[in-house]
Amino acid sequence: MRDWRGINAVIGDRVFCVMTDGTRRPEIHEAWVEDVDEARILVRSAATSIGPVTGNGPETHWLKEPENFVVVKGPGFR
């Protein structure tokens, strides 16, 4: 899946996304891509990209709209 700028997300990429739980204002979160296909990406909202995925609990989220995230790539970001 691509972000709104057309940059492809791949497993292990760092992304920034806007999330809210419905009771608070939306906030920008740093996340890591856990899985990706043509229509969506699964991100882990954490400061680390290592460790097993534990399911679709509060720590992981499927993002389906390219407008909801920005992929950050480059040698300083991995």
Protein backbone atom coordinates (compact mmCIF):
# COMPACT_ATOMS: atom_id res chain seq x y z
CA MET A 1 0.00 0.00 0.00
CA ARG A 2 1.14 3.54 -0.70
CA ASP A 3 0.82 6.62 1.47
CA TRP A 4 -0.71 9.83 0.14
CA ARG A 5 2.62 10.80 -1.46
CA GLY A 6 2.83 7.52 -3.40
CA ILE A 7 5.57 5.93 -1.26
CA ASN A 8 5.14 2.17 -0.81
CA ALA A 9 5.01 0.79 2.73
CA VAL A 10 6.89 -2.46 3.36
CA ILE A 11 7.29 -4.60 6.47
CA GLY A 12 9.65 -2.92 8.93
CA ASP A 13 9.06 0.64 7.71
CA ARG A 14 8.58 3.41 10.23
CA VAL A 15 5.32 5.30 9.75
CA PHE A 16 3.45 8.13 11.40
CA CYS A 17 -0.32 7.85 11.61
CA VAL A 18 -3.24 9.64 13.22
CA MET A 19 -5.30 7.52 15.63
CA THR A 20 -8.07 8.15 18.14
CA ASP A 21 -10.13 5.99 20.46
CA GLY A 22 -13.27 8.10 20.07
CA THR A 23 -13.03 9.75 23.47
CA ARG A 24 -9.94 11.91 22.94
CA ARG A 25 -8.61 14.20 20.24
CA PRO A 26 -6.75 12.50 17.38
CA GLU A 27 -3.04 12.12 18.06
CA ILE A 28 -0.03 11.42 15.86
CA HIS A 29 1.61 8.08 16.66
CA GLU A 30 4.89 6.56 15.58
CA ALA A 31 4.39 2.99 14.39
CA TRP A 32 6.11 0.16 12.55
CA VAL A 33 4.67 -1.79 9.61
CA GLU A 34 3.97 -5.43 10.56
CA ASP A 35 2.11 -6.58 7.42
CA VAL A 36 1.10 -5.00 4.13
CA ASP A 37 -1.04 -5.78 1.11
CA GLU A 38 -2.52 -3.73 -1.75
CA ALA A 39 -5.43 -2.33 0.31
CA ARG A 40 -4.09 -1.87 3.87
CA ILE A 41 -1.19 -2.07 6.29
CA LEU A 42 -0.96 -3.48 9.82
CA VAL A 43 1.03 -1.19 12.12
CA ARG A 44 2.33 -1.63 15.65
CA SER A 45 2.07 1.53 17.74
CA ALA A 46 5.35 1.24 19.59
CA ALA A 47 8.86 2.60 19.74
CA THR A 48 10.34 -0.71 18.57
CA SER A 49 10.02 -2.79 15.44
CA ILE A 50 11.00 -6.11 17.05
CA GLY A 51 8.94 -8.74 18.83
CA PRO A 52 5.99 -10.89 17.79
CA VAL A 53 2.64 -9.51 16.73
CA THR A 54 0.16 -10.37 19.46
CA GLY A 55 -3.02 -9.84 17.46
CA ASN A 56 -5.29 -6.92 16.67
CA GLY A 57 -5.32 -5.57 20.20
CA PRO A 58 -4.66 -1.96 21.14
CA GLU A 59 -1.02 -2.26 20.09
CA THR A 60 -1.76 -3.03 16.42
CA HIS A 61 -4.07 -1.34 13.92
CA TRP A 62 -5.07 -1.93 10.30
CA LEU A 63 -4.82 1.26 8.25
CA LYS A 64 -6.93 1.22 5.09
CA GLU A 65 -6.79 4.81 3.88
CA PRO A 66 -3.54 6.17 2.42
CA GLU A 67 -4.37 9.59 3.85
CA ASN A 68 -4.03 8.23 7.41
CA PHE A 69 -0.29 7.60 7.40
CA VAL A 70 3.09 8.79 6.14
CA VAL A 71 5.91 6.31 5.45
CA VAL A 72 9.37 7.42 6.61
CA LYS A 73 12.28 5.79 4.78
CA GLY A 74 16.01 6.29 4.69
CA PRO A 75 19.23 5.07 6.33
CA GLY A 76 18.64 7.09 9.52
CA PHE A 77 15.18 5.68 10.18
CA ARG A 78 15.68 1.89 10.42
